[in-house]
Amino acid sequence: MKLPAKLPLVYAILAFIATCANIATQDVALHLYSGAWSVAASVIVGTAFGLVTKYILDKKYIFGFRAKNAAHDGLTFALYTLTGVATTLVFWGFEFGFDHIFGGKGMRYLGGVIGLAIGYFMKYRLDRRFVFRTEAA
């Protein structure tokens, strides 16, 4: 189990890894598809990849979670995804907002990084309370 003093640093490092996975996936998606709605499609693909990456990292390194079986892991992932809805809206709001206001891929990604940082801050609290809560023995 992680020492409480180290938890914010570990969480920040893992959030950084997931953020890099999200943004890199968006960039790859934009190189693979440049048609109509390419930006929206890249954000969705990046969000999905970032979500799975963050779930794997959080459950192992932040919460020390071990599912009882595949169904339990699936339910936990569903709850994790559900708690991510509001935080995803924050992330998308910043990313699309920066794109609209400033234009350009670099500013859109900067907005995405800011939105993800705010969202991950919120998400930890939601996940601790609703997804990976410790049941009383």
Protein backbone atom coordinates (compact mmCIF):
# COMPACT_ATOMS: atom_id res chain seq x y z
CA MET A 1 0.00 0.00 0.00
CA LYS A 2 1.25 3.47 -0.86
CA LEU A 3 2.17 5.89 1.88
CA PRO A 4 -0.41 8.69 1.98
CA ALA A 5 2.30 11.35 1.54
CA LYS A 6 3.41 9.76 -1.74
CA LEU A 7 -0.07 9.27 -3.14
CA PRO A 8 -0.48 12.75 -4.71
CA LEU A 9 2.89 12.44 -6.47
CA VAL A 10 2.15 8.92 -7.73
CA TYR A 11 -1.31 10.01 -8.86
CA ALA A 12 0.16 13.02 -10.69
CA ILE A 13 2.70 10.83 -12.48
CA LEU A 14 0.03 8.34 -13.54
CA ALA A 15 -2.28 11.16 -14.64
CA PHE A 16 0.61 12.52 -16.73
CA ILE A 17 1.09 9.10 -18.35
CA ALA A 18 -2.63 8.82 -19.13
CA THR A 19 -2.66 12.40 -20.47
CA CYS A 20 0.25 11.60 -22.78
CA ALA A 21 -1.55 8.44 -23.95
CA ASN A 22 -4.71 10.46 -24.66
CA ILE A 23 -2.99 13.28 -26.57
CA ALA A 24 -0.67 10.92 -28.49
CA THR A 25 -3.65 8.79 -29.53
CA GLN A 26 -5.44 11.92 -30.73
CA ASP A 27 -2.42 12.88 -32.81
CA VAL A 28 -2.15 9.40 -34.35
CA ALA A 29 -5.87 9.42 -35.11
CA LEU A 30 -5.51 12.78 -36.88
CA HIS A 31 -2.71 11.36 -39.02
CA LEU A 32 -4.82 8.34 -39.93
CA TYR A 33 -8.03 10.24 -40.67
CA SER A 34 -8.25 13.82 -41.88
CA GLY A 35 -11.82 13.90 -43.17
CA ALA A 36 -14.94 15.57 -41.86
CA TRP A 37 -15.16 15.53 -38.06
CA SER A 38 -11.53 14.37 -37.75
CA VAL A 39 -10.91 16.48 -34.65
CA ALA A 40 -14.02 15.19 -32.87
CA ALA A 41 -13.18 11.62 -33.86
CA SER A 42 -9.60 12.00 -32.60
CA VAL A 43 -10.81 13.40 -29.27
CA ILE A 44 -13.22 10.48 -28.82
CA VAL A 45 -10.56 7.89 -29.68
CA GLY A 46 -8.03 9.62 -27.39
CA THR A 47 -10.58 9.78 -24.59
CA ALA A 48 -11.32 6.06 -24.88
CA PHE A 49 -7.64 5.10 -24.89
CA GLY A 50 -6.89 7.47 -22.02
CA LEU A 51 -9.82 6.08 -20.02
CA VAL A 52 -8.63 2.48 -20.31
CA THR A 53 -5.03 3.48 -19.58
CA LYS A 54 -6.04 5.49 -16.49
CA TYR A 55 -8.32 2.71 -15.22
CA ILE A 56 -5.52 0.13 -15.41
CA LEU A 57 -3.06 2.44 -13.67
CA ASP A 58 -5.50 3.66 -10.99
CA LYS A 59 -6.83 0.28 -10.02
CA LYS A 60 -3.34 -1.17 -9.57
CA TYR A 61 -1.15 1.67 -8.32
CA ILE A 62 -3.57 4.08 -6.62
CA PHE A 63 -6.30 1.92 -5.16
CA GLY A 64 -4.64 -1.52 -5.05
CA PHE A 65 -7.85 -2.99 -6.46
CA ARG A 66 -8.19 -6.66 -7.35
CA ALA A 67 -11.40 -7.76 -8.99
CA LYS A 68 -12.99 -10.97 -7.79
CA ASN A 69 -13.67 -12.04 -11.37
CA ALA A 70 -14.18 -10.65 -14.88
CA ALA A 71 -17.76 -9.61 -14.13
CA HIS A 72 -16.64 -7.69 -11.02
CA ASP A 73 -13.89 -6.00 -13.04
CA GLY A 74 -16.40 -5.14 -15.78
CA LEU A 75 -18.81 -3.61 -13.26
CA THR A 76 -15.98 -1.65 -11.67
CA PHE A 77 -14.90 -0.36 -15.09
CA ALA A 78 -18.50 0.63 -15.83
CA LEU A 79 -18.66 2.61 -12.57
CA TYR A 80 -15.25 4.12 -13.34
CA THR A 81 -16.52 5.19 -16.76
CA LEU A 82 -19.70 6.62 -15.25
CA THR A 83 -17.75 8.77 -12.78
CA GLY A 84 -15.75 9.97 -15.75
CA VAL A 85 -18.73 11.50 -17.58
CA ALA A 86 -18.64 14.87 -15.80
CA THR A 87 -14.85 15.00 -15.82
CA THR A 88 -14.82 14.19 -19.54
CA LEU A 89 -17.16 17.10 -20.17
CA VAL A 90 -14.70 19.37 -18.35
CA PHE A 91 -11.84 17.99 -20.46
CA TRP A 92 -13.75 18.31 -23.73
CA GLY A 93 -14.95 21.78 -22.79
CA PHE A 94 -11.39 22.99 -22.37
CA GLU A 95 -10.08 21.22 -25.45
CA PHE A 96 -12.84 22.35 -27.80
CA GLY A 97 -12.96 25.76 -26.11
CA PHE A 98 -9.27 26.38 -26.72
CA ASP A 99 -9.68 25.15 -30.29
CA HIS A 100 -12.55 27.54 -30.86
CA ILE A 101 -10.96 30.56 -29.16
CA PHE A 102 -7.33 30.18 -30.22
CA GLY A 103 -7.41 27.68 -33.11
CA GLY A 104 -4.69 25.26 -34.04
CA LYS A 105 -3.69 21.84 -32.87
CA GLY A 106 -1.19 23.05 -30.26
CA MET A 107 -3.68 25.26 -28.45
CA ARG A 108 -6.37 22.56 -28.66
CA TYR A 109 -3.95 20.11 -27.02
CA LEU A 110 -3.04 22.68 -24.36
CA GLY A 111 -6.74 23.06 -23.56
CA GLY A 112 -7.00 19.27 -23.43
CA VAL A 113 -4.10 18.99 -21.00
CA ILE A 114 -5.60 21.68 -18.74
CA GLY A 115 -9.03 20.02 -18.91
CA LEU A 116 -7.56 16.60 -18.14
CA ALA A 117 -5.65 17.97 -15.13
CA ILE A 118 -8.81 19.51 -13.69
CA GLY A 119 -10.84 16.41 -14.53
CA TYR A 120 -8.34 14.01 -12.96
CA PHE A 121 -8.32 16.07 -9.77
CA MET A 122 -12.11 15.68 -9.60
CA LYS A 123 -12.03 12.05 -10.73
CA TYR A 124 -9.80 10.84 -7.89
CA ARG A 125 -12.34 11.99 -5.34
CA LEU A 126 -15.24 10.43 -7.24
CA ASP A 127 -13.40 7.14 -7.72
CA ARG A 128 -12.34 6.93 -4.09
CA ARG A 129 -15.90 7.52 -2.96
CA PHE A 130 -17.94 5.55 -5.52
CA VAL A 131 -15.74 3.12 -7.47
CA PHE A 132 -12.87 1.82 -5.35
CA ARG A 133 -14.36 2.35 -1.93
CA THR A 134 -13.27 0.01 0.80
CA GLU A 135 -16.12 -1.97 2.26
CA ALA A 136 -16.30 -2.26 6.05
CA ALA A 137 -15.10 -5.67 7.23
